[in-house]
C-alpha atoms as a PDB file:
ATOM      1  CA  MET A   1       0.000   0.000   0.000  1.00  0.00           C
ATOM      2  CA  LYS A   2       2.878   2.409   0.801  1.00  0.00           C
ATOM      3  CA  LEU A   3       4.357   1.774  -2.638  1.00  0.00           C
ATOM      4  CA  ILE A   4       0.989   2.489  -4.307  1.00  0.00           C
ATOM      5  CA  ASN A   5       0.678   5.762  -2.394  1.00  0.00           C
ATOM      6  CA  VAL A   6       4.178   6.790  -3.452  1.00  0.00           C
ATOM      7  CA  VAL A   7       3.447   5.975  -7.093  1.00  0.00           C
ATOM      8  CA  VAL A   8       0.174   7.863  -7.104  1.00  0.00           C
ATOM      9  CA  SER A   9       1.774  10.827  -5.321  1.00  0.00           C
ATOM     10  CA  THR A  10       4.517  10.879  -7.962  1.00  0.00           C
ATOM     11  CA  VAL A  11       1.951  10.840 -10.746  1.00  0.00           C
ATOM     12  CA  LEU A  12      -0.002  13.652  -9.115  1.00  0.00           C
ATOM     13  CA  LEU A  13       3.103  15.776  -8.658  1.00  0.00           C
ATOM     14  CA  ALA A  14       4.116  15.192 -12.273  1.00  0.00           C
ATOM     15  CA  LEU A  15       0.705  16.380 -13.403  1.00  0.00           C
ATOM     16  CA  LEU A  16       1.047  19.471 -11.272  1.00  0.00           C
ATOM     17  CA  ALA A  17       4.500  20.145 -12.666  1.00  0.00           C
ATOM     18  CA  SER A  18       3.004  20.017 -16.162  1.00  0.00           C
ATOM     19  CA  ARG A  19       0.444  22.628 -15.045  1.00  0.00           C
ATOM     20  CA  ALA A  20      -2.442  20.176 -15.468  1.00  0.00           C
ATOM     21  CA  VAL A  21      -3.594  21.459 -12.078  1.00  0.00           C
ATOM     22  CA  ALA A  22      -2.650  24.856 -10.723  1.00  0.00           C
ATOM     23  CA  GLY A  23      -2.526  26.414  -7.284  1.00  0.00           C
ATOM     24  CA  SER A  24       0.203  26.532  -4.617  1.00  0.00           C
ATOM     25  CA  GLU A  25      -2.209  25.348  -1.919  1.00  0.00           C
ATOM     26  CA  LEU A  26      -2.982  22.179  -3.877  1.00  0.00           C
ATOM     27  CA  GLU A  27       0.704  21.611  -4.680  1.00  0.00           C
ATOM     28  CA  ASN A  28       1.611  21.750  -1.000  1.00  0.00           C
ATOM     29  CA  TRP A  29      -1.249  19.415  -0.108  1.00  0.00           C
ATOM     30  CA  VAL A  30      -0.363  16.790  -2.691  1.00  0.00           C
ATOM     31  CA  ALA A  31       3.269  16.852  -1.557  1.00  0.00           C
ATOM     32  CA  SER A  32       2.165  15.832   1.937  1.00  0.00           C
ATOM     33  CA  PRO A  33       0.872  12.374   2.973  1.00  0.00           C
ATOM     34  CA  GLY A  34      -2.687  13.643   2.958  1.00  0.00           C
ATOM     35  CA  PHE A  35      -4.510  10.695   1.445  1.00  0.00           C
ATOM     36  CA  LYS A  36      -4.503   6.954   0.983  1.00  0.00           C
ATOM     37  CA  VAL A  37      -5.397   4.938  -2.101  1.00  0.00           C
ATOM     38  CA  ILE A  38      -7.244   1.643  -2.395  1.00  0.00           C
ATOM     39  CA  PRO A  39      -6.866   0.780  -6.095  1.00  0.00           C
ATOM     40  CA  ASP A  40      -8.597  -1.536  -8.534  1.00  0.00           C
ATOM     41  CA  ILE A  41     -11.505  -2.748  -6.432  1.00  0.00           C
ATOM     42  CA  VAL A  42     -13.820  -4.952  -8.488  1.00  0.00           C
ATOM     43  CA  TYR A  43     -17.312  -3.516  -8.103  1.00  0.00           C
ATOM     44  CA  HIS A  44     -19.117  -5.424 -10.852  1.00  0.00           C
ATOM     45  CA  THR A  45     -18.478  -8.243 -13.305  1.00  0.00           C
ATOM     46  CA  ALA A  46     -20.311  -8.550 -16.623  1.00  0.00           C
ATOM     47  CA  ASP A  47     -19.541  -9.997 -20.060  1.00  0.00           C
ATOM     48  CA  GLY A  48     -16.556 -11.697 -18.440  1.00  0.00           C
ATOM     49  CA  HIS A  49     -15.123  -8.259 -17.668  1.00  0.00           C
ATOM     50  CA  GLN A  50     -14.201  -7.008 -14.211  1.00  0.00           C
ATOM     51  CA  ASN A  51     -15.204  -3.395 -13.679  1.00  0.00           C
ATOM     52  CA  LYS A  52     -12.855  -1.691 -11.233  1.00  0.00           C
ATOM     53  CA  LEU A  53     -12.721   1.505  -9.231  1.00  0.00           C
ATOM     54  CA  ASP A  54     -10.216   3.291  -7.015  1.00  0.00           C
ATOM     55  CA  VAL A  55     -11.015   4.812  -3.632  1.00  0.00           C
ATOM     56  CA  TYR A  56      -9.017   7.864  -2.532  1.00  0.00           C
ATOM     57  CA  LEU A  57      -9.507   8.843   1.112  1.00  0.00           C
ATOM     58  CA  PRO A  58      -8.214  11.909   2.955  1.00  0.00           C
ATOM     59  CA  THR A  59      -6.278  10.805   6.007  1.00  0.00           C
ATOM     60  CA  GLY A  60      -6.971  12.172   9.444  1.00  0.00           C
ATOM     61  CA  ALA A  61     -10.606  12.980   8.701  1.00  0.00           C
ATOM     62  CA  ALA A  62     -13.084  12.272  11.485  1.00  0.00           C
ATOM     63  CA  GLY A  63     -16.584  10.964  10.928  1.00  0.00           C
ATOM     64  CA  LEU A  64     -18.408  10.352   7.675  1.00  0.00           C
ATOM     65  CA  LEU A  65     -16.934  11.765   4.478  1.00  0.00           C
ATOM     66  CA  PRO A  66     -18.696  13.662   1.711  1.00  0.00           C
ATOM     67  CA  THR A  67     -18.031  11.517  -1.343  1.00  0.00           C
ATOM     68  CA  VAL A  68     -17.725  12.126  -5.069  1.00  0.00           C
ATOM     69  CA  ILE A  69     -18.170   9.304  -7.574  1.00  0.00           C
ATOM     70  CA  TYR A  70     -16.262  10.255 -10.730  1.00  0.00           C
ATOM     71  CA  PHE A  71     -16.671   8.857 -14.274  1.00  0.00           C
ATOM     72  CA  HIS A  72     -14.027   9.470 -16.927  1.00  0.00           C
ATOM     73  CA  GLY A  73     -14.814  10.573 -20.464  1.00  0.00           C
ATOM     74  CA  GLY A  74     -13.707   9.153 -23.788  1.00  0.00           C
ATOM     75  CA  GLY A  75     -16.950   8.858 -25.717  1.00  0.00           C
ATOM     76  CA  TRP A  76     -17.832   5.519 -24.070  1.00  0.00           C
ATOM     77  CA  VAL A  77     -15.104   4.004 -26.244  1.00  0.00           C
ATOM     78  CA  ARG A  78     -11.710   4.874 -24.697  1.00  0.00           C
ATOM     79  CA  THR A  79      -9.803   6.327 -21.706  1.00  0.00           C
ATOM     80  CA  GLN A  80      -9.244   4.895 -18.222  1.00  0.00           C
ATOM     81  CA  LYS A  81      -9.775   6.147 -14.695  1.00  0.00           C
ATOM     82  CA  GLU A  82      -6.060   6.832 -14.158  1.00  0.00           C
ATOM     83  CA  GLN A  83      -6.141   9.443 -16.928  1.00  0.00           C
ATOM     84  CA  VAL A  84      -8.561  11.732 -15.107  1.00  0.00           C
ATOM     85  CA  ILE A  85      -6.665  12.084 -11.826  1.00  0.00           C
ATOM     86  CA  PRO A  86      -6.272  15.852 -12.442  1.00  0.00           C
ATOM     87  CA  MET A  87     -10.062  16.148 -12.474  1.00  0.00           C
ATOM     88  CA  VAL A  88     -10.453  14.579  -9.040  1.00  0.00           C
ATOM     89  CA  LEU A  89      -7.618  16.410  -7.268  1.00  0.00           C
ATOM     90  CA  PRO A  90      -9.746  19.439  -6.385  1.00  0.00           C
ATOM     91  CA  TYR A  91     -12.380  17.208  -4.779  1.00  0.00           C
ATOM     92  CA  LEU A  92      -9.687  15.583  -2.649  1.00  0.00           C
ATOM     93  CA  GLN A  93      -8.373  18.999  -1.707  1.00  0.00           C
ATOM     94  CA  MET A  94     -11.871  19.860  -0.478  1.00  0.00           C
ATOM     95  CA  GLY A  95     -11.691  16.951   1.947  1.00  0.00           C
ATOM     96  CA  MET A  96     -13.969  14.616  -0.001  1.00  0.00           C
ATOM     97  CA  ALA A  97     -13.547  10.903  -0.508  1.00  0.00           C
ATOM     98  CA  VAL A  98     -13.232  10.061  -4.198  1.00  0.00           C
ATOM     99  CA  VAL A  99     -14.455   6.934  -5.982  1.00  0.00           C
ATOM    100  CA  ASN A 100     -12.824   6.933  -9.427  1.00  0.00           C
ATOM    101  CA  VAL A 101     -14.683   4.554 -11.741  1.00  0.00           C
ATOM    102  CA  ASP A 102     -13.886   2.504 -14.837  1.00  0.00           C
ATOM    103  CA  TYR A 103     -16.748   0.940 -16.808  1.00  0.00           C
ATOM    104  CA  ARG A 104     -17.297  -1.249 -19.855  1.00  0.00           C
ATOM    105  CA  LEU A 105     -16.232   0.549 -23.009  1.00  0.00           C
ATOM    106  CA  ALA A 106     -17.675  -0.163 -26.451  1.00  0.00           C
ATOM    107  CA  GLY A 107     -14.939  -2.693 -27.227  1.00  0.00           C
ATOM    108  CA  VAL A 108     -16.214  -4.819 -24.344  1.00  0.00           C
ATOM    109  CA  ALA A 109     -19.952  -4.145 -24.506  1.00  0.00           C
ATOM    110  CA  LEU A 110     -22.164  -1.778 -26.469  1.00  0.00           C
ATOM    111  CA  ALA A 111     -24.829   0.528 -25.058  1.00  0.00           C
ATOM    112  CA  PRO A 112     -26.384   0.506 -22.492  1.00  0.00           C
ATOM    113  CA  ALA A 113     -23.582  -1.315 -20.620  1.00  0.00           C
ATOM    114  CA  ALA A 114     -21.748   1.816 -19.440  1.00  0.00           C
ATOM    115  CA  VAL A 115     -24.944   3.240 -17.949  1.00  0.00           C
ATOM    116  CA  GLU A 116     -25.680  -0.015 -16.156  1.00  0.00           C
ATOM    117  CA  ASP A 117     -22.135   0.055 -14.773  1.00  0.00           C
ATOM    118  CA  ALA A 118     -22.553   3.628 -13.554  1.00  0.00           C
ATOM    119  CA  ARG A 119     -25.597   2.594 -11.559  1.00  0.00           C
ATOM    120  CA  CYS A 120     -23.734  -0.447 -10.219  1.00  0.00           C
ATOM    121  CA  ALA A 121     -20.882   1.811  -9.068  1.00  0.00           C
ATOM    122  CA  LEU A 122     -23.364   3.965  -7.178  1.00  0.00           C
ATOM    123  CA  ARG A 123     -24.869   0.846  -5.655  1.00  0.00           C
ATOM    124  CA  TRP A 124     -21.385  -0.333  -4.624  1.00  0.00           C
ATOM    125  CA  VAL A 125     -20.884   2.957  -2.770  1.00  0.00           C
ATOM    126  CA  TYR A 126     -24.174   2.435  -0.954  1.00  0.00           C
ATOM    127  CA  LYS A 127     -23.297  -1.138  -0.075  1.00  0.00           C
ATOM    128  CA  HIS A 128     -19.797  -0.290   1.203  1.00  0.00           C
ATOM    129  CA  ALA A 129     -20.489   3.052   2.854  1.00  0.00           C
ATOM    130  CA  ASP A 130     -19.667   1.717   6.313  1.00  0.00           C
ATOM    131  CA  ASP A 131     -16.369   0.229   5.117  1.00  0.00           C
ATOM    132  CA  TYR A 132     -15.004   3.542   3.830  1.00  0.00           C
ATOM    133  CA  SER A 133     -16.958   6.125   5.879  1.00  0.00           C
ATOM    134  CA  PHE A 134     -18.899   7.359   2.831  1.00  0.00           C
ATOM    135  CA  ASP A 135     -21.667   9.733   3.894  1.00  0.00           C
ATOM    136  CA  LEU A 136     -24.739   8.592   1.946  1.00  0.00           C
ATOM    137  CA  ASN A 137     -26.416  11.922   2.692  1.00  0.00           C
ATOM    138  CA  ARG A 138     -23.586  13.764   0.932  1.00  0.00           C
ATOM    139  CA  ILE A 139     -22.992  11.930  -2.340  1.00  0.00           C
ATOM    140  CA  LEU A 140     -21.921  13.894  -5.409  1.00  0.00           C
ATOM    141  CA  VAL A 141     -21.648  12.309  -8.851  1.00  0.00           C
ATOM    142  CA  SER A 142     -19.431  13.951 -11.431  1.00  0.00           C
ATOM    143  CA  GLY A 143     -17.698  13.256 -14.723  1.00  0.00           C
ATOM    144  CA  ASN A 144     -16.417  14.770 -17.927  1.00  0.00           C
ATOM    145  CA  SER A 145     -17.729  14.285 -21.475  1.00  0.00           C
ATOM    146  CA  ALA A 146     -19.156  10.749 -21.695  1.00  0.00           C
ATOM    147  CA  GLY A 147     -18.437  10.587 -17.983  1.00  0.00           C
ATOM    148  CA  GLY A 148     -20.636  13.640 -17.490  1.00  0.00           C
ATOM    149  CA  HIS A 149     -23.388  11.730 -19.260  1.00  0.00           C
ATOM    150  CA  LEU A 150     -22.847   8.745 -16.949  1.00  0.00           C
ATOM    151  CA  ALA A 151     -22.852  10.969 -13.864  1.00  0.00           C
ATOM    152  CA  LEU A 152     -26.179  12.440 -14.967  1.00  0.00           C
ATOM    153  CA  MET A 153     -27.657   9.011 -15.626  1.00  0.00           C
ATOM    154  CA  ALA A 154     -26.364   7.627 -12.327  1.00  0.00           C
ATOM    155  CA  GLY A 155     -27.941  10.512 -10.433  1.00  0.00           C
ATOM    156  CA  LEU A 156     -31.192  10.924 -12.365  1.00  0.00           C
ATOM    157  CA  LEU A 157     -32.292   7.326 -12.864  1.00  0.00           C
ATOM    158  CA  LYS A 158     -34.595   5.476 -10.518  1.00  0.00           C
ATOM    159  CA  ARG A 159     -34.902   1.737 -10.049  1.00  0.00           C
ATOM    160  CA  GLU A 160     -38.175   1.618 -11.990  1.00  0.00           C
ATOM    161  CA  ASP A 161     -36.374   2.993 -15.071  1.00  0.00           C
ATOM    162  CA  GLY A 162     -35.037  -0.526 -15.570  1.00  0.00           C
ATOM    163  CA  LEU A 163     -31.293  -0.009 -15.892  1.00  0.00           C
ATOM    164  CA  ASP A 164     -30.285  -1.372 -12.481  1.00  0.00           C
ATOM    165  CA  TYR A 165     -30.950  -5.043 -12.976  1.00  0.00           C
ATOM    166  CA  GLY A 166     -27.424  -6.027 -13.975  1.00  0.00           C
ATOM    167  CA  CYS A 167     -26.116  -5.308 -10.477  1.00  0.00           C
ATOM    168  CA  ARG A 168     -25.333  -8.288  -8.314  1.00  0.00           C
ATOM    169  CA  ILE A 169     -27.754  -7.505  -5.541  1.00  0.00           C
ATOM    170  CA  PHE A 170     -30.676  -8.276  -7.842  1.00  0.00           C
ATOM    171  CA  LYS A 171     -29.159 -11.598  -8.846  1.00  0.00           C
ATOM    172  CA  ARG A 172     -28.969 -12.880  -5.292  1.00  0.00           C
ATOM    173  CA  LEU A 173     -31.926 -11.081  -3.723  1.00  0.00           C
ATOM    174  CA  SER A 174     -35.034 -13.126  -3.050  1.00  0.00           C
ATOM    175  CA  TYR A 175     -38.248 -12.485  -1.206  1.00  0.00           C
ATOM    176  CA  GLN A 176     -36.964 -14.560   1.699  1.00  0.00           C
ATOM    177  CA  THR A 177     -33.712 -12.589   2.028  1.00  0.00           C
ATOM    178  CA  PHE A 178     -35.183  -9.105   1.579  1.00  0.00           C
ATOM    179  CA  ASN A 179     -34.890  -6.964   4.705  1.00  0.00           C
ATOM    180  CA  VAL A 180     -34.295  -3.387   5.803  1.00  0.00           C
ATOM    181  CA  ALA A 181     -30.528  -3.765   5.398  1.00  0.00           C
ATOM    182  CA  THR A 182     -30.843  -4.652   1.724  1.00  0.00           C
ATOM    183  CA  ALA A 183     -33.656  -2.196   1.034  1.00  0.00           C
ATOM    184  CA  LYS A 184     -31.356   0.815   1.209  1.00  0.00           C
ATOM    185  CA  HIS A 185     -29.433  -0.554  -1.790  1.00  0.00           C
ATOM    186  CA  LEU A 186     -32.572  -0.713  -3.917  1.00  0.00           C
ATOM    187  CA  GLU A 187     -33.446   2.969  -3.765  1.00  0.00           C
ATOM    188  CA  MET A 188     -30.480   5.266  -4.207  1.00  0.00           C
ATOM    189  CA  LYS A 189     -30.214   9.014  -4.332  1.00  0.00           C
ATOM    190  CA  VAL A 190     -27.431  11.523  -4.709  1.00  0.00           C
ATOM    191  CA  SER A 191     -27.245  15.010  -3.253  1.00  0.00           C
ATOM    192  CA  ALA A 192     -25.951  16.788  -6.360  1.00  0.00           C
ATOM    193  CA  ILE A 193     -24.378  16.352  -9.801  1.00  0.00           C
ATOM    194  CA  VAL A 194     -21.470  18.213 -11.423  1.00  0.00           C
ATOM    195  CA  ASN A 195     -21.541  17.623 -15.162  1.00  0.00           C
ATOM    196  CA  PHE A 196     -18.484  18.671 -17.156  1.00  0.00           C
ATOM    197  CA  TYR A 197     -19.538  19.016 -20.820  1.00  0.00           C
ATOM    198  CA  GLY A 198     -21.460  15.752 -20.837  1.00  0.00           C
ATOM    199  CA  ILE A 199     -23.807  14.386 -23.494  1.00  0.00           C
ATOM    200  CA  THR A 200     -27.394  15.053 -22.431  1.00  0.00           C
ATOM    201  CA  ASP A 201     -29.311  14.099 -25.601  1.00  0.00           C
ATOM    202  CA  VAL A 202     -27.784  10.902 -26.971  1.00  0.00           C
ATOM    203  CA  LEU A 203     -30.049  10.781 -30.013  1.00  0.00           C
ATOM    204  CA  ALA A 204     -28.703  14.148 -31.198  1.00  0.00           C
ATOM    205  CA  VAL A 205     -25.145  12.776 -31.376  1.00  0.00           C
ATOM    206  CA  LEU A 206     -26.196   9.433 -32.850  1.00  0.00           C
ATOM    207  CA  GLU A 207     -28.400  10.424 -35.775  1.00  0.00           C
ATOM    208  CA  GLY A 208     -28.709  13.264 -38.273  1.00  0.00           C
ATOM    209  CA  ASP A 209     -26.295  16.089 -39.069  1.00  0.00           C
ATOM    210  CA  GLY A 210     -24.911  16.110 -35.537  1.00  0.00           C
ATOM    211  CA  ALA A 211     -23.922  12.420 -35.465  1.00  0.00           C
ATOM    212  CA  LYS A 212     -20.561  11.728 -33.810  1.00  0.00           C
ATOM    213  CA  PHE A 213     -18.234   8.793 -34.387  1.00  0.00           C
ATOM    214  CA  TYR A 214     -18.079   7.901 -30.710  1.00  0.00           C
ATOM    215  CA  ALA A 215     -21.844   7.485 -30.478  1.00  0.00           C
ATOM    216  CA  GLU A 216     -21.855   5.356 -33.619  1.00  0.00           C
ATOM    217  CA  GLU A 217     -19.173   3.155 -32.081  1.00  0.00           C
ATOM    218  CA  TRP A 218     -21.007   2.856 -28.755  1.00  0.00           C
ATOM    219  CA  PHE A 219     -24.241   1.715 -30.450  1.00  0.00           C
ATOM    220  CA  GLY A 220     -22.662  -0.342 -33.232  1.00  0.00           C
ATOM    221  CA  THR A 221     -25.264  -2.393 -35.121  1.00  0.00           C
ATOM    222  CA  LEU A 222     -27.713  -2.616 -32.239  1.00  0.00           C
ATOM    223  CA  PRO A 223     -31.381  -2.807 -33.259  1.00  0.00           C
ATOM    224  CA  ASN A 224     -33.853  -0.103 -32.202  1.00  0.00           C
ATOM    225  CA  ARG A 225     -31.066   2.430 -31.844  1.00  0.00           C
ATOM    226  CA  THR A 226     -33.403   5.414 -31.844  1.00  0.00           C
ATOM    227  CA  GLN A 227     -35.485   4.103 -28.967  1.00  0.00           C
ATOM    228  CA  LEU A 228     -32.396   3.077 -27.014  1.00  0.00           C
ATOM    229  CA  ALA A 229     -30.746   6.476 -27.517  1.00  0.00           C
ATOM    230  CA  LYS A 230     -33.813   8.175 -26.081  1.00  0.00           C
ATOM    231  CA  ARG A 231     -33.782   5.780 -23.145  1.00  0.00           C
ATOM    232  CA  LEU A 232     -30.141   6.664 -22.447  1.00  0.00           C
ATOM    233  CA  SER A 233     -30.591  10.452 -22.636  1.00  0.00           C
ATOM    234  CA  PRO A 234     -30.474  12.397 -19.345  1.00  0.00           C
ATOM    235  CA  VAL A 235     -32.838  15.057 -20.716  1.00  0.00           C
ATOM    236  CA  ASN A 236     -35.587  12.432 -20.685  1.00  0.00           C
ATOM    237  CA  TYR A 237     -35.212  11.814 -16.933  1.00  0.00           C
ATOM    238  CA  VAL A 238     -35.632  15.354 -15.692  1.00  0.00           C
ATOM    239  CA  ARG A 239     -38.144  15.251 -12.843  1.00  0.00           C
ATOM    240  CA  GLY A 240     -39.096  17.728 -10.169  1.00  0.00           C
ATOM    241  CA  ASP A 241     -37.300  15.709  -7.502  1.00  0.00           C
ATOM    242  CA  ALA A 242     -34.003  15.558  -9.403  1.00  0.00           C
ATOM    243  CA  PRO A 243     -30.877  16.581  -7.471  1.00  0.00           C
ATOM    244  CA  PRO A 244     -29.288  20.006  -8.047  1.00  0.00           C
ATOM    245  CA  ILE A 245     -27.088  20.029 -11.153  1.00  0.00           C
ATOM    246  CA  LEU A 246     -24.148  22.212 -12.144  1.00  0.00           C
ATOM    247  CA  THR A 247     -23.132  21.961 -15.805  1.00  0.00           C
ATOM    248  CA  VAL A 248     -19.850  23.354 -17.142  1.00  0.00           C
ATOM    249  CA  HIS A 249     -19.602  23.580 -20.918  1.00  0.00           C
ATOM    250  CA  GLY A 250     -17.543  25.441 -23.524  1.00  0.00           C
ATOM    251  CA  GLU A 251     -19.490  27.369 -26.137  1.00  0.00           C
ATOM    252  CA  GLN A 252     -16.949  26.342 -28.820  1.00  0.00           C
ATOM    253  CA  ASP A 253     -17.176  22.613 -28.054  1.00  0.00           C
ATOM    254  CA  ARG A 254     -17.344  20.590 -31.270  1.00  0.00           C
ATOM    255  CA  ALA A 255     -17.188  17.103 -29.752  1.00  0.00           C
ATOM    256  CA  VAL A 256     -20.217  17.622 -27.489  1.00  0.00           C
ATOM    257  CA  PRO A 257     -22.096  20.668 -28.796  1.00  0.00           C
ATOM    258  CA  TYR A 258     -22.885  23.436 -26.312  1.00  0.00           C
ATOM    259  CA  GLN A 259     -26.571  23.069 -27.164  1.00  0.00           C
ATOM    260  CA  GLN A 260     -26.519  19.808 -25.230  1.00  0.00           C
ATOM    261  CA  ALA A 261     -25.904  21.782 -22.028  1.00  0.00           C
ATOM    262  CA  VAL A 262     -28.503  24.403 -22.916  1.00  0.00           C
ATOM    263  CA  LYS A 263     -31.200  21.796 -23.550  1.00  0.00           C
ATOM    264  CA  LEU A 264     -30.601  20.104 -20.211  1.00  0.00           C
ATOM    265  CA  HIS A 265     -30.551  23.410 -18.357  1.00  0.00           C
ATOM    266  CA  GLU A 266     -33.821  24.535 -19.929  1.00  0.00           C
ATOM    267  CA  ARG A 267     -35.584  21.313 -18.959  1.00  0.00           C
ATOM    268  CA  LEU A 268     -34.235  21.457 -15.421  1.00  0.00           C
ATOM    269  CA  SER A 269     -35.375  25.045 -15.046  1.00  0.00           C
ATOM    270  CA  ARG A 270     -38.875  24.246 -16.313  1.00  0.00           C
ATOM    271  CA  ALA A 271     -39.075  21.360 -13.814  1.00  0.00           C
ATOM    272  CA  GLY A 272     -38.042  23.598 -10.935  1.00  0.00           C
ATOM    273  CA  VAL A 273     -34.792  21.735 -10.283  1.00  0.00           C
ATOM    274  CA  PRO A 274     -31.949  23.851  -8.833  1.00  0.00           C
ATOM    275  CA  ALA A 275     -29.624  24.140 -11.809  1.00  0.00           C
ATOM    276  CA  GLN A 276     -26.633  26.180 -12.913  1.00  0.00           C
ATOM    277  CA  LEU A 277     -25.073  26.413 -16.352  1.00  0.00           C
ATOM    278  CA  TYR A 278     -21.523  27.736 -16.330  1.00  0.00           C
ATOM    279  CA  SER A 279     -20.686  28.671 -19.909  1.00  0.00           C
ATOM    280  CA  VAL A 280     -17.113  29.218 -21.076  1.00  0.00           C
ATOM    281  CA  LYS A 281     -17.305  31.548 -24.059  1.00  0.00           C
ATOM    282  CA  SER A 282     -13.978  30.543 -25.625  1.00  0.00           C
ATOM    283  CA  GLY A 283     -13.969  27.016 -24.231  1.00  0.00           C
ATOM    284  CA  ALA A 284     -13.499  23.991 -26.476  1.00  0.00           C
ATOM    285  CA  HIS A 285     -14.058  20.372 -25.448  1.00  0.00           C
ATOM    286  CA  GLY A 286     -12.374  20.089 -22.076  1.00  0.00           C
ATOM    287  CA  SER A 287      -9.966  22.867 -22.971  1.00  0.00           C
ATOM    288  CA  PHE A 288     -10.482  26.082 -21.037  1.00  0.00           C
ATOM    289  CA  PRO A 289      -8.221  29.106 -20.529  1.00  0.00           C
ATOM    290  CA  PRO A 290      -6.377  29.048 -17.156  1.00  0.00           C
ATOM    291  CA  ALA A 291      -8.374  31.939 -15.747  1.00  0.00           C
ATOM    292  CA  ASP A 292     -11.600  30.119 -16.603  1.00  0.00           C
ATOM    293  CA  ASN A 293     -10.333  26.935 -14.946  1.00  0.00           C
ATOM    294  CA  HIS A 294      -9.815  28.790 -11.682  1.00  0.00           C
ATOM    295  CA  ALA A 295     -13.257  30.386 -11.943  1.00  0.00           C
ATOM    296  CA  ILE A 296     -14.870  27.035 -12.766  1.00  0.00           C
ATOM    297  CA  TRP A 297     -13.462  25.351  -9.673  1.00  0.00           C
ATOM    298  CA  ASP A 298     -14.450  28.313  -7.527  1.00  0.00           C
ATOM    299  CA  GLU A 299     -17.996  27.786  -8.799  1.00  0.00           C
ATOM    300  CA  VAL A 300     -17.822  24.037  -8.194  1.00  0.00           C
ATOM    301  CA  ARG A 301     -16.643  24.687  -4.643  1.00  0.00           C
ATOM    302  CA  ARG A 302     -19.513  27.072  -3.976  1.00  0.00           C
ATOM    303  CA  PHE A 303     -21.969  24.564  -5.446  1.00  0.00           C
ATOM    304  CA  ILE A 304     -20.635  21.839  -3.172  1.00  0.00           C
ATOM    305  CA  GLU A 305     -20.804  24.102  -0.134  1.00  0.00           C
ATOM    306  CA  ARG A 306     -24.427  24.874  -0.973  1.00  0.00           C
ATOM    307  CA  TYR A 307     -25.710  21.377  -1.705  1.00  0.00           C
ATOM    308  CA  ILE A 308     -23.241  18.915  -0.176  1.00  0.00           C
ATOM    309  CA  ASP A 309     -21.785  20.586   2.910  1.00  0.00           C
ATOM    310  CA  ASP A 310     -24.985  22.177   4.234  1.00  0.00           C
END
């Protein structure tokens, strides 16, 4: 475990040195033994594939920890959890536990596998809250690009939406074994969502003039693609009881068009859901000017203080 911590610390410091993350306060914190890492925990197995996650915990914290579940991007077709460490550093600096999640990519399983995995990761957090001091009343889900989409789906879906049934608890649960202890894993809720330039209307990136290669790859030759795309679109799960959502999106984004963020925000506003849309005028896909990056994380921090730390 000490070796893993040293390796991760080295990686984090290298990222800081490359200016992937800025701020002297964060640099000093990462240089200290301020966290521990439990890597590559298998949270779900499907299609012969082991889905894994890492848990990063601040050391010395007392009591239950506010917790962020983070999903990496990559269009549902590429990237791994280790590649988004810069995106979770600020959450760690805020004193949150971090659950950094991998999921089945298109090369392993087509849609809707990644969404099912996102829900299983949330269920794993619920099941293991006592083991890691996760505070189930202060759960944030977050992600970038396709990971933003998965964060939205993880936080907006309900059990009756039918995308939870691949998780192990349903395979071994019977009427005879059902009790109060297992019931809390059936109904899950999150306190808030931070969506970094995620896909909100999957159909709009799958069909028509706005079709994107990554969506085509995720759906492959599946039948009923139109119906499935609608079923996997966060905009179609906006309800009045949805958690507060902060969306960060660049207006010059060509990979995930800015209109995706606008459409979600409009639906949330009409439903009366607390929602913020932070627009970066010159921002491309995940590429923001340094001054905007600082402002974005200031806004994320305020959002967390309002909806997670209250």
